[in-house]
């Protein structure tokens, strides 16, 4: 069983993170993971990227955390994939399957989620609703469910402050028949090893397209942390 982190942030791009992309790659290599997906906060959330820059400059800065992680991963032997955490009206959506060139070709895609969704799906992207029942001020105190606009649900998020938020996500996935993922939502090197989560797959993932195809073929399972919140 191959193991992957699906939800991870870097200090280069996510303003709330303290671990750099290279540090994250080294950490997960030491933890025995086969790969990581860097899903930094997009321009509509808690990013380090100044919002008043030209679009191309913003995209270059946004990709730095991923690119630094990828460069280190290539050196030490862990796969690193590009992702996005897109925030819309109280919902955080993990997006896999786009790249820097796609972002350059779609200026201002941070402003209209529904158009972004259609364009991303046309490009073959996979969209997962992250921690759908998290209560947080940065989400404007709202819980916004988008069952027609996502492909699956992150049913366990190690960064949640209440275990009930994960339990509600499990319920949501079951009630709506969603496929499930899990992730650590890791921003810091201080996260204990026993709190790391992710997904398992019976075959090696070499691209975001591989992840998407395995996900829809029901070959992806959520990997829960060894120690859950409150234990």
C-alpha atoms as a PDB file:
ATOM      1  CA  UNK A   1       0.000   0.000   0.000  1.00  0.00           C
ATOM      2  CA  UNK A   2       1.416   3.347  -1.079  1.00  0.00           C
ATOM      3  CA  UNK A   3       0.916   6.315   1.248  1.00  0.00           C
ATOM      4  CA  UNK A   4       0.389   9.963   0.287  1.00  0.00           C
ATOM      5  CA  UNK A   5      -0.276  13.240   2.075  1.00  0.00           C
ATOM      6  CA  UNK A   6      -3.101  15.057   0.282  1.00  0.00           C
ATOM      7  CA  UNK A   7      -3.332  18.325   2.251  1.00  0.00           C
ATOM      8  CA  UNK A   8      -0.164  20.264   3.022  1.00  0.00           C
ATOM      9  CA  UNK A   9       0.970  23.901   3.164  1.00  0.00           C
ATOM     10  CA  UNK A  10       4.291  25.706   2.808  1.00  0.00           C
ATOM     11  CA  UNK A  11       5.622  28.876   4.417  1.00  0.00           C
ATOM     12  CA  UNK A  12       6.531  30.309   1.012  1.00  0.00           C
ATOM     13  CA  UNK A  13       2.884  30.584  -0.019  1.00  0.00           C
ATOM     14  CA  UNK A  14       0.506  29.976   2.911  1.00  0.00           C
ATOM     15  CA  UNK A  15       0.693  32.822   5.428  1.00  0.00           C
ATOM     16  CA  UNK A  16      -0.326  30.540   8.307  1.00  0.00           C
ATOM     17  CA  UNK A  17       2.442  27.967   7.651  1.00  0.00           C
ATOM     18  CA  UNK A  18       5.909  27.829   9.199  1.00  0.00           C
ATOM     19  CA  UNK A  19       7.435  24.860   7.330  1.00  0.00           C
ATOM     20  CA  UNK A  20       9.036  25.491   3.953  1.00  0.00           C
ATOM     21  CA  UNK A  21       8.385  23.305   0.955  1.00  0.00           C
ATOM     22  CA  UNK A  22      11.808  21.656   1.238  1.00  0.00           C
ATOM     23  CA  UNK A  23      11.301  21.007   4.945  1.00  0.00           C
ATOM     24  CA  UNK A  24       7.941  19.388   4.295  1.00  0.00           C
ATOM     25  CA  UNK A  25       9.431  17.126   1.638  1.00  0.00           C
ATOM     26  CA  UNK A  26      12.204  16.002   4.000  1.00  0.00           C
ATOM     27  CA  UNK A  27       9.748  15.429   6.852  1.00  0.00           C
ATOM     28  CA  UNK A  28       7.457  13.196   4.834  1.00  0.00           C
ATOM     29  CA  UNK A  29      10.382  11.271   3.375  1.00  0.00           C
ATOM     30  CA  UNK A  30      11.488  10.508   6.932  1.00  0.00           C
ATOM     31  CA  UNK A  31       7.936   9.483   7.825  1.00  0.00           C
ATOM     32  CA  UNK A  32       7.901   6.886   5.052  1.00  0.00           C
ATOM     33  CA  UNK A  33       5.401   8.560   2.744  1.00  0.00           C
ATOM     34  CA  UNK A  34       5.638   7.889  -0.982  1.00  0.00           C
ATOM     35  CA  UNK A  35       4.466  11.344  -1.968  1.00  0.00           C
ATOM     36  CA  UNK A  36       2.885  14.644  -0.952  1.00  0.00           C
ATOM     37  CA  UNK A  37       0.421  17.026  -2.552  1.00  0.00           C
ATOM     38  CA  UNK A  38       1.238  20.679  -1.847  1.00  0.00           C
ATOM     39  CA  UNK A  39      -2.114  22.478  -1.504  1.00  0.00           C
ATOM     40  CA  UNK A  40      -1.271  26.043  -0.541  1.00  0.00           C
ATOM     41  CA  UNK A  41      -3.971  28.620   0.146  1.00  0.00           C
ATOM     42  CA  UNK A  42      -5.050  30.309  -3.070  1.00  0.00           C
ATOM     43  CA  UNK A  43      -5.371  34.035  -3.706  1.00  0.00           C
ATOM     44  CA  UNK A  44      -8.852  34.073  -2.149  1.00  0.00           C
ATOM     45  CA  UNK A  45      -7.534  32.878   1.207  1.00  0.00           C
ATOM     46  CA  UNK A  46      -4.584  33.232   3.599  1.00  0.00           C
ATOM     47  CA  UNK A  47      -1.772  33.601   1.091  1.00  0.00           C
ATOM     48  CA  UNK A  48       1.583  35.377   1.280  1.00  0.00           C
ATOM     49  CA  UNK A  49       1.105  36.610  -2.294  1.00  0.00           C
ATOM     50  CA  UNK A  50       0.261  40.346  -2.530  1.00  0.00           C
ATOM     51  CA  UNK A  51      -3.125  40.755  -4.153  1.00  0.00           C
ATOM     52  CA  UNK A  52      -2.270  43.897  -6.126  1.00  0.00           C
ATOM     53  CA  UNK A  53       0.410  42.321  -8.333  1.00  0.00           C
ATOM     54  CA  UNK A  54      -0.100  41.463 -12.005  1.00  0.00           C
ATOM     55  CA  UNK A  55      -1.575  37.988 -12.450  1.00  0.00           C
ATOM     56  CA  UNK A  56       1.560  36.370 -13.881  1.00  0.00           C
ATOM     57  CA  UNK A  57       3.664  37.607 -10.957  1.00  0.00           C
ATOM     58  CA  UNK A  58       1.103  36.301  -8.489  1.00  0.00           C
ATOM     59  CA  UNK A  59       1.156  32.881 -10.114  1.00  0.00           C
ATOM     60  CA  UNK A  60       4.968  32.745 -10.007  1.00  0.00           C
ATOM     61  CA  UNK A  61       4.974  33.533  -6.296  1.00  0.00           C
ATOM     62  CA  UNK A  62       2.103  31.132  -5.598  1.00  0.00           C
ATOM     63  CA  UNK A  63       3.985  28.187  -7.068  1.00  0.00           C
ATOM     64  CA  UNK A  64       7.197  28.775  -5.082  1.00  0.00           C
ATOM     65  CA  UNK A  65       6.294  26.533  -2.156  1.00  0.00           C
ATOM     66  CA  UNK A  66       5.432  23.652  -4.466  1.00  0.00           C
ATOM     67  CA  UNK A  67       8.490  24.191  -6.637  1.00  0.00           C
ATOM     68  CA  UNK A  68      10.831  24.224  -3.642  1.00  0.00           C
ATOM     69  CA  UNK A  69       9.217  21.059  -2.308  1.00  0.00           C
ATOM     70  CA  UNK A  70       9.450  19.414  -5.739  1.00  0.00           C
ATOM     71  CA  UNK A  71      13.131  20.296  -6.126  1.00  0.00           C
ATOM     72  CA  UNK A  72      13.929  18.792  -2.730  1.00  0.00           C
ATOM     73  CA  UNK A  73      11.710  15.784  -3.369  1.00  0.00           C
ATOM     74  CA  UNK A  74      13.527  15.034  -6.604  1.00  0.00           C
ATOM     75  CA  UNK A  75      16.826  15.064  -4.700  1.00  0.00           C
ATOM     76  CA  UNK A  76      15.801  12.816  -1.833  1.00  0.00           C
ATOM     77  CA  UNK A  77      13.342  10.503  -3.568  1.00  0.00           C
ATOM     78  CA  UNK A  78       9.803  11.498  -2.650  1.00  0.00           C
ATOM     79  CA  UNK A  79       7.145  12.460  -5.174  1.00  0.00           C
ATOM     80  CA  UNK A  80       5.712  15.978  -4.925  1.00  0.00           C
ATOM     81  CA  UNK A  81       2.521  17.024  -6.698  1.00  0.00           C
ATOM     82  CA  UNK A  82       0.855  20.398  -7.235  1.00  0.00           C
ATOM     83  CA  UNK A  83      -2.507  21.217  -5.711  1.00  0.00           C
ATOM     84  CA  UNK A  84      -4.608  24.211  -4.673  1.00  0.00           C
ATOM     85  CA  UNK A  85      -6.801  24.986  -1.685  1.00  0.00           C
ATOM     86  CA  UNK A  86      -9.510  27.218  -3.132  1.00  0.00           C
ATOM     87  CA  UNK A  87     -11.740  29.083  -0.676  1.00  0.00           C
ATOM     88  CA  UNK A  88     -15.320  30.008  -1.552  1.00  0.00           C
ATOM     89  CA  UNK A  89     -17.972  31.398   0.785  1.00  0.00           C
ATOM     90  CA  UNK A  90     -17.214  29.239   3.802  1.00  0.00           C
ATOM     91  CA  UNK A  91     -15.886  26.213   1.898  1.00  0.00           C
ATOM     92  CA  UNK A  92     -12.310  25.095   1.238  1.00  0.00           C
ATOM     93  CA  UNK A  93     -11.889  22.976  -1.871  1.00  0.00           C
ATOM     94  CA  UNK A  94      -8.769  20.924  -2.583  1.00  0.00           C
ATOM     95  CA  UNK A  95      -8.015  20.892  -6.302  1.00  0.00           C
ATOM     96  CA  UNK A  96      -5.688  18.400  -7.989  1.00  0.00           C
ATOM     97  CA  UNK A  97      -4.725  18.260 -11.652  1.00  0.00           C
ATOM     98  CA  UNK A  98      -3.987  21.864 -12.594  1.00  0.00           C
ATOM     99  CA  UNK A  99      -0.532  23.415 -12.955  1.00  0.00           C
ATOM    100  CA  UNK A 100       1.267  26.739 -13.269  1.00  0.00           C
ATOM    101  CA  UNK A 101       0.543  27.061 -16.983  1.00  0.00           C
ATOM    102  CA  UNK A 102      -3.167  26.454 -16.405  1.00  0.00           C
ATOM    103  CA  UNK A 103      -3.210  29.244 -13.819  1.00  0.00           C
ATOM    104  CA  UNK A 104      -1.362  31.587 -16.171  1.00  0.00           C
ATOM    105  CA  UNK A 105      -3.947  30.837 -18.852  1.00  0.00           C
ATOM    106  CA  UNK A 106      -6.898  31.530 -16.507  1.00  0.00           C
ATOM    107  CA  UNK A 107      -6.402  34.999 -14.996  1.00  0.00           C
ATOM    108  CA  UNK A 108      -8.703  36.008 -12.138  1.00  0.00           C
ATOM    109  CA  UNK A 109      -9.916  32.434 -11.671  1.00  0.00           C
ATOM    110  CA  UNK A 110      -9.926  33.136  -7.929  1.00  0.00           C
ATOM    111  CA  UNK A 111     -12.988  35.382  -8.272  1.00  0.00           C
ATOM    112  CA  UNK A 112     -15.732  33.030  -9.492  1.00  0.00           C
ATOM    113  CA  UNK A 113     -15.798  29.533  -8.006  1.00  0.00           C
ATOM    114  CA  UNK A 114     -18.448  28.165 -10.344  1.00  0.00           C
ATOM    115  CA  UNK A 115     -16.592  29.228 -13.475  1.00  0.00           C
ATOM    116  CA  UNK A 116     -13.368  27.968 -11.905  1.00  0.00           C
ATOM    117  CA  UNK A 117     -15.076  24.633 -11.233  1.00  0.00           C
ATOM    118  CA  UNK A 118     -16.229  24.236 -14.839  1.00  0.00           C
ATOM    119  CA  UNK A 119     -12.854  25.191 -16.296  1.00  0.00           C
ATOM    120  CA  UNK A 120     -10.976  22.964 -13.835  1.00  0.00           C
ATOM    121  CA  UNK A 121     -13.200  19.971 -14.537  1.00  0.00           C
ATOM    122  CA  UNK A 122     -12.763  20.522 -18.263  1.00  0.00           C
ATOM    123  CA  UNK A 123      -9.013  20.229 -17.621  1.00  0.00           C
ATOM    124  CA  UNK A 124      -9.545  16.929 -15.786  1.00  0.00           C
ATOM    125  CA  UNK A 125      -9.135  18.198 -12.231  1.00  0.00           C
ATOM    126  CA  UNK A 126     -10.303  16.425  -9.080  1.00  0.00           C
ATOM    127  CA  UNK A 127     -12.118  18.552  -6.467  1.00  0.00           C
ATOM    128  CA  UNK A 128     -12.395  17.461  -2.826  1.00  0.00           C
ATOM    129  CA  UNK A 129     -14.262  19.340  -0.098  1.00  0.00           C
ATOM    130  CA  UNK A 130     -11.770  19.796   2.741  1.00  0.00           C
ATOM    131  CA  UNK A 131     -12.956  19.709   6.382  1.00  0.00           C
ATOM    132  CA  UNK A 132     -16.560  20.559   5.362  1.00  0.00           C
ATOM    133  CA  UNK A 133     -17.821  21.001   8.929  1.00  0.00           C
ATOM    134  CA  UNK A 134     -14.959  23.061  10.338  1.00  0.00           C
ATOM    135  CA  UNK A 135     -16.053  26.137  12.250  1.00  0.00           C
ATOM    136  CA  UNK A 136     -13.584  28.994  11.884  1.00  0.00           C
ATOM    137  CA  UNK A 137     -13.611  32.773  11.680  1.00  0.00           C
ATOM    138  CA  UNK A 138     -11.639  32.761   8.414  1.00  0.00           C
ATOM    139  CA  UNK A 139     -14.550  30.846   6.866  1.00  0.00           C
ATOM    140  CA  UNK A 140     -16.878  33.661   7.947  1.00  0.00           C
ATOM    141  CA  UNK A 141     -18.481  31.380  10.524  1.00  0.00           C
ATOM    142  CA  UNK A 142     -20.292  29.506   7.765  1.00  0.00           C
ATOM    143  CA  UNK A 143     -20.634  25.874   6.821  1.00  0.00           C
ATOM    144  CA  UNK A 144     -21.263  25.747   3.083  1.00  0.00           C
ATOM    145  CA  UNK A 145     -21.856  22.338   1.515  1.00  0.00           C
ATOM    146  CA  UNK A 146     -21.488  22.009  -2.257  1.00  0.00           C
ATOM    147  CA  UNK A 147     -22.543  18.450  -3.111  1.00  0.00           C
ATOM    148  CA  UNK A 148     -23.047  19.190  -6.817  1.00  0.00           C
ATOM    149  CA  UNK A 149     -19.675  20.873  -7.171  1.00  0.00           C
ATOM    150  CA  UNK A 150     -17.192  18.431  -5.624  1.00  0.00           C
ATOM    151  CA  UNK A 151     -16.082  14.887  -6.373  1.00  0.00           C
ATOM    152  CA  UNK A 152     -15.431  13.727  -2.831  1.00  0.00           C
ATOM    153  CA  UNK A 153     -15.053  14.617   0.824  1.00  0.00           C
ATOM    154  CA  UNK A 154     -12.075  14.841   3.146  1.00  0.00           C
ATOM    155  CA  UNK A 155     -13.576  12.843   6.003  1.00  0.00           C
ATOM    156  CA  UNK A 156     -10.591  13.187   8.320  1.00  0.00           C
ATOM    157  CA  UNK A 157      -8.540  16.340   8.762  1.00  0.00           C
ATOM    158  CA  UNK A 158      -5.857  16.304  11.452  1.00  0.00           C
ATOM    159  CA  UNK A 159      -5.984  20.088  11.699  1.00  0.00           C
ATOM    160  CA  UNK A 160      -9.587  20.176  12.876  1.00  0.00           C
ATOM    161  CA  UNK A 161     -10.050  21.552  16.353  1.00  0.00           C
ATOM    162  CA  UNK A 162     -12.968  19.267  17.197  1.00  0.00           C
ATOM    163  CA  UNK A 163     -13.251  15.544  16.487  1.00  0.00           C
ATOM    164  CA  UNK A 164     -16.975  16.015  15.852  1.00  0.00           C
ATOM    165  CA  UNK A 165     -16.113  17.999  12.718  1.00  0.00           C
ATOM    166  CA  UNK A 166     -14.489  14.868  11.284  1.00  0.00           C
ATOM    167  CA  UNK A 167     -17.414  12.724  12.414  1.00  0.00           C
ATOM    168  CA  UNK A 168     -19.846  15.037  10.629  1.00  0.00           C
ATOM    169  CA  UNK A 169     -17.712  14.798   7.480  1.00  0.00           C
ATOM    170  CA  UNK A 170     -17.925  11.000   7.617  1.00  0.00           C
ATOM    171  CA  UNK A 171     -21.699  11.280   7.951  1.00  0.00           C
ATOM    172  CA  UNK A 172     -21.890  13.708   5.023  1.00  0.00           C
ATOM    173  CA  UNK A 173     -19.876  11.415   2.746  1.00  0.00           C
ATOM    174  CA  UNK A 174     -22.036   8.435   3.691  1.00  0.00           C
ATOM    175  CA  UNK A 175     -25.344  10.248   3.235  1.00  0.00           C
ATOM    176  CA  UNK A 176     -24.412  11.644  -0.191  1.00  0.00           C
ATOM    177  CA  UNK A 177     -22.442   8.632  -1.400  1.00  0.00           C
ATOM    178  CA  UNK A 178     -19.156  10.494  -1.748  1.00  0.00           C
ATOM    179  CA  UNK A 179     -15.798   8.810  -2.058  1.00  0.00           C
ATOM    180  CA  UNK A 180     -13.530   9.648   0.869  1.00  0.00           C
ATOM    181  CA  UNK A 181     -10.075  11.060   1.446  1.00  0.00           C
ATOM    182  CA  UNK A 182      -8.098  12.192   4.494  1.00  0.00           C
ATOM    183  CA  UNK A 183      -5.272  14.633   5.063  1.00  0.00           C
ATOM    184  CA  UNK A 184      -3.151  16.230   7.760  1.00  0.00           C
ATOM    185  CA  UNK A 185      -3.688  19.871   6.717  1.00  0.00           C
ATOM    186  CA  UNK A 186      -0.073  20.192   7.796  1.00  0.00           C
ATOM    187  CA  UNK A 187       1.397  23.687   8.168  1.00  0.00           C
ATOM    188  CA  UNK A 188       4.207  23.008  10.647  1.00  0.00           C
ATOM    189  CA  UNK A 189       7.029  20.569  11.375  1.00  0.00           C
ATOM    190  CA  UNK A 190       5.784  20.383  14.956  1.00  0.00           C
ATOM    191  CA  UNK A 191       2.796  18.185  14.040  1.00  0.00           C
ATOM    192  CA  UNK A 192       3.414  14.861  15.848  1.00  0.00           C
ATOM    193  CA  UNK A 193       4.000  11.829  13.664  1.00  0.00           C
ATOM    194  CA  UNK A 194       1.020  10.025  15.173  1.00  0.00           C
ATOM    195  CA  UNK A 195      -1.274  12.849  13.994  1.00  0.00           C
ATOM    196  CA  UNK A 196      -0.330  12.567  10.309  1.00  0.00           C
ATOM    197  CA  UNK A 197      -3.038  11.314   7.951  1.00  0.00           C
ATOM    198  CA  UNK A 198      -3.425  10.913   4.188  1.00  0.00           C
ATOM    199  CA  UNK A 199      -4.572   8.358   1.659  1.00  0.00           C
ATOM    200  CA  UNK A 200      -3.494   4.878   0.721  1.00  0.00           C
ATOM    201  CA  UNK A 201      -3.481   3.464  -2.806  1.00  0.00           C
ATOM    202  CA  UNK A 202      -2.813  -0.032  -4.072  1.00  0.00           C
ATOM    203  CA  UNK A 203      -0.738   1.309  -6.966  1.00  0.00           C
ATOM    204  CA  UNK A 204       1.938   3.972  -7.208  1.00  0.00           C
ATOM    205  CA  UNK A 205       0.769   7.500  -8.013  1.00  0.00           C
ATOM    206  CA  UNK A 206       3.031   9.332 -10.454  1.00  0.00           C
ATOM    207  CA  UNK A 207       0.817  12.260 -11.376  1.00  0.00           C
ATOM    208  CA  UNK A 208      -2.349  14.041 -10.345  1.00  0.00           C
ATOM    209  CA  UNK A 209      -4.085  12.223 -13.188  1.00  0.00           C
ATOM    210  CA  UNK A 210      -3.062   8.919 -11.581  1.00  0.00           C
ATOM    211  CA  UNK A 211      -4.595  10.117  -8.306  1.00  0.00           C
ATOM    212  CA  UNK A 212      -7.831  11.129 -10.026  1.00  0.00           C
ATOM    213  CA  UNK A 213      -8.116   7.844 -11.885  1.00  0.00           C
ATOM    214  CA  UNK A 214      -7.381   5.769  -8.773  1.00  0.00           C
ATOM    215  CA  UNK A 215      -9.886   7.831  -6.787  1.00  0.00           C
ATOM    216  CA  UNK A 216     -12.726   7.219  -9.236  1.00  0.00           C
ATOM    217  CA  UNK A 217     -11.760   3.554  -9.540  1.00  0.00           C
ATOM    218  CA  UNK A 218     -12.216   3.170  -5.755  1.00  0.00           C
ATOM    219  CA  UNK A 219      -8.556   2.317  -5.242  1.00  0.00           C
ATOM    220  CA  UNK A 220      -7.986   5.154  -2.775  1.00  0.00           C
ATOM    221  CA  UNK A 221      -8.741   4.838   0.934  1.00  0.00           C
ATOM    222  CA  UNK A 222      -8.435   7.400   3.737  1.00  0.00           C
ATOM    223  CA  UNK A 223      -5.586   6.758   6.156  1.00  0.00           C
ATOM    224  CA  UNK A 224      -6.481   7.929   9.625  1.00  0.00           C
ATOM    225  CA  UNK A 225      -3.859   9.128  12.130  1.00  0.00           C
ATOM    226  CA  UNK A 226      -2.545   6.709  14.709  1.00  0.00           C
ATOM    227  CA  UNK A 227      -3.748   9.090  17.393  1.00  0.00           C
ATOM    228  CA  UNK A 228      -6.974  11.010  16.891  1.00  0.00           C
ATOM    229  CA  UNK A 229      -7.903  14.290  18.479  1.00  0.00           C
ATOM    230  CA  UNK A 230      -8.826  13.852  22.125  1.00  0.00           C
ATOM    231  CA  UNK A 231      -7.326  10.387  22.528  1.00  0.00           C
END
